[in-house]
Amino acid sequence: MKELVELLARSLVEQPDQVVVNVSGDDRSVVIYLKVAQEDMGKVIGRKGRIARALRTMVKAAALKQNKKVILEIG
C-alpha cells in the first residue's frame, strides 16, 4: 500500500522528490502518513477534498484484499 500511495502522490505533484510516505501499525490496522511540499498540498487535497477522498478510497480498496483497516493522513 505504501508503494501505491507513493506512486499516486508522485504523479500528482510538481516536486515528486519531496514526497515522503511513512507507514505504522500492526497486523490489523495501518496508518499511512503522506507528506508533500507545501506548494503541492493543494494538488494532493484537491477541490473540496475530492482527490484526497479518492486516494483514501483507493487505499481502502487495496486494504480490503489484505483484511486490514487503513487510514491515510495527509500533511
C-alpha atoms as a PDB file:
ATOM      1  CA  MET A   1       0.000   0.000   0.000  1.00  0.00           C
ATOM      2  CA  LYS A   2       2.920   2.306   0.658  1.00  0.00           C
ATOM      3  CA  GLU A   3       4.029   1.916  -2.943  1.00  0.00           C
ATOM      4  CA  LEU A   4       0.513   2.678  -4.199  1.00  0.00           C
ATOM      5  CA  VAL A   5       0.274   5.926  -2.226  1.00  0.00           C
ATOM      6  CA  GLU A   6       3.776   6.947  -3.262  1.00  0.00           C
ATOM      7  CA  LEU A   7       3.077   6.283  -6.944  1.00  0.00           C
ATOM      8  CA  LEU A   8      -0.207   8.187  -6.929  1.00  0.00           C
ATOM      9  CA  ALA A   9       1.199  11.138  -4.987  1.00  0.00           C
ATOM     10  CA  ARG A  10       4.293  11.438  -7.194  1.00  0.00           C
ATOM     11  CA  SER A  11       2.093  11.554 -10.290  1.00  0.00           C
ATOM     12  CA  LEU A  12       0.011  14.399  -8.846  1.00  0.00           C
ATOM     13  CA  VAL A  13       2.676  16.823  -7.603  1.00  0.00           C
ATOM     14  CA  GLU A  14       5.203  19.076  -9.313  1.00  0.00           C
ATOM     15  CA  GLN A  15       8.002  18.145  -6.896  1.00  0.00           C
ATOM     16  CA  PRO A  16       7.912  14.339  -6.771  1.00  0.00           C
ATOM     17  CA  ASP A  17      11.261  14.122  -4.990  1.00  0.00           C
ATOM     18  CA  GLN A  18       9.698  15.689  -1.876  1.00  0.00           C
ATOM     19  CA  VAL A  19       7.002  13.044  -1.492  1.00  0.00           C
ATOM     20  CA  VAL A  20       7.537  11.091   1.727  1.00  0.00           C
ATOM     21  CA  VAL A  21       5.370   8.134   2.758  1.00  0.00           C
ATOM     22  CA  ASN A  22       5.670   6.556   6.213  1.00  0.00           C
ATOM     23  CA  VAL A  23       3.724   3.552   7.453  1.00  0.00           C
ATOM     24  CA  SER A  24       2.986   2.483  11.007  1.00  0.00           C
ATOM     25  CA  GLY A  25       0.630  -0.020  12.508  1.00  0.00           C
ATOM     26  CA  ASP A  26       0.158  -3.687  13.278  1.00  0.00           C
ATOM     27  CA  ASP A  27      -1.348  -6.754  11.604  1.00  0.00           C
ATOM     28  CA  ARG A  28      -4.938  -5.478  11.565  1.00  0.00           C
ATOM     29  CA  SER A  29      -4.650  -1.724  11.072  1.00  0.00           C
ATOM     30  CA  VAL A  30      -2.232   0.547   9.244  1.00  0.00           C
ATOM     31  CA  VAL A  31      -1.715   4.307   9.295  1.00  0.00           C
ATOM     32  CA  ILE A  32      -0.090   5.792   6.203  1.00  0.00           C
ATOM     33  CA  TYR A  33       1.384   9.279   6.514  1.00  0.00           C
ATOM     34  CA  LEU A  34       1.793  11.226   3.265  1.00  0.00           C
ATOM     35  CA  LYS A  35       3.937  14.347   3.271  1.00  0.00           C
ATOM     36  CA  VAL A  36       4.402  16.572   0.216  1.00  0.00           C
ATOM     37  CA  ALA A  37       5.880  20.020  -0.413  1.00  0.00           C
ATOM     38  CA  GLN A  38       3.761  22.916   0.833  1.00  0.00           C
ATOM     39  CA  GLU A  39       3.234  24.168  -2.721  1.00  0.00           C
ATOM     40  CA  ASP A  40       1.838  20.774  -3.774  1.00  0.00           C
ATOM     41  CA  MET A  41      -0.552  20.361  -0.861  1.00  0.00           C
ATOM     42  CA  GLY A  42      -3.490  21.740  -2.839  1.00  0.00           C
ATOM     43  CA  LYS A  43      -2.883  19.296  -5.663  1.00  0.00           C
ATOM     44  CA  VAL A  44      -2.962  16.323  -3.310  1.00  0.00           C
ATOM     45  CA  ILE A  45      -6.043  17.514  -1.446  1.00  0.00           C
ATOM     46  CA  GLY A  46      -7.958  18.851  -4.457  1.00  0.00           C
ATOM     47  CA  ARG A  47     -11.084  20.949  -4.609  1.00  0.00           C
ATOM     48  CA  LYS A  48     -13.284  20.290  -1.605  1.00  0.00           C
ATOM     49  CA  GLY A  49     -11.002  17.337  -0.781  1.00  0.00           C
ATOM     50  CA  ARG A  50     -12.018  15.254  -3.787  1.00  0.00           C
ATOM     51  CA  ILE A  51      -8.537  13.992  -4.648  1.00  0.00           C
ATOM     52  CA  ALA A  52      -7.762  13.203  -1.006  1.00  0.00           C
ATOM     53  CA  ARG A  53     -11.050  11.308  -0.753  1.00  0.00           C
ATOM     54  CA  ALA A  54     -10.234   9.383  -3.936  1.00  0.00           C
ATOM     55  CA  LEU A  55      -6.774   8.489  -2.608  1.00  0.00           C
ATOM     56  CA  ARG A  56      -8.303   7.223   0.637  1.00  0.00           C
ATOM     57  CA  THR A  57     -10.862   5.183  -1.298  1.00  0.00           C
ATOM     58  CA  MET A  58      -8.176   3.533  -3.416  1.00  0.00           C
ATOM     59  CA  VAL A  59      -6.050   2.700  -0.385  1.00  0.00           C
ATOM     60  CA  LYS A  60      -9.046   1.266   1.473  1.00  0.00           C
ATOM     61  CA  ALA A  61      -9.928  -0.883  -1.533  1.00  0.00           C
ATOM     62  CA  ALA A  62      -6.380  -2.243  -1.628  1.00  0.00           C
ATOM     63  CA  ALA A  63      -6.518  -2.886   2.122  1.00  0.00           C
ATOM     64  CA  LEU A  64      -9.735  -4.895   1.852  1.00  0.00           C
ATOM     65  CA  LYS A  65      -7.904  -7.595  -0.072  1.00  0.00           C
ATOM     66  CA  GLN A  66      -5.488  -7.930   2.849  1.00  0.00           C
ATOM     67  CA  ASN A  67      -8.195  -7.762   5.557  1.00  0.00           C
ATOM     68  CA  LYS A  68      -6.719  -4.601   7.052  1.00  0.00           C
ATOM     69  CA  LYS A  69      -8.075  -1.274   8.145  1.00  0.00           C
ATOM     70  CA  VAL A  70      -6.113   1.638   6.747  1.00  0.00           C
ATOM     71  CA  ILE A  71      -6.042   5.358   7.490  1.00  0.00           C
ATOM     72  CA  LEU A  72      -4.370   7.846   5.158  1.00  0.00           C
ATOM     73  CA  GLU A  73      -3.094  11.013   6.844  1.00  0.00           C
ATOM     74  CA  ILE A  74      -2.045  13.863   4.553  1.00  0.00           C
ATOM     75  CA  GLY A  75       0.160  16.547   5.996  1.00  0.00           C
END
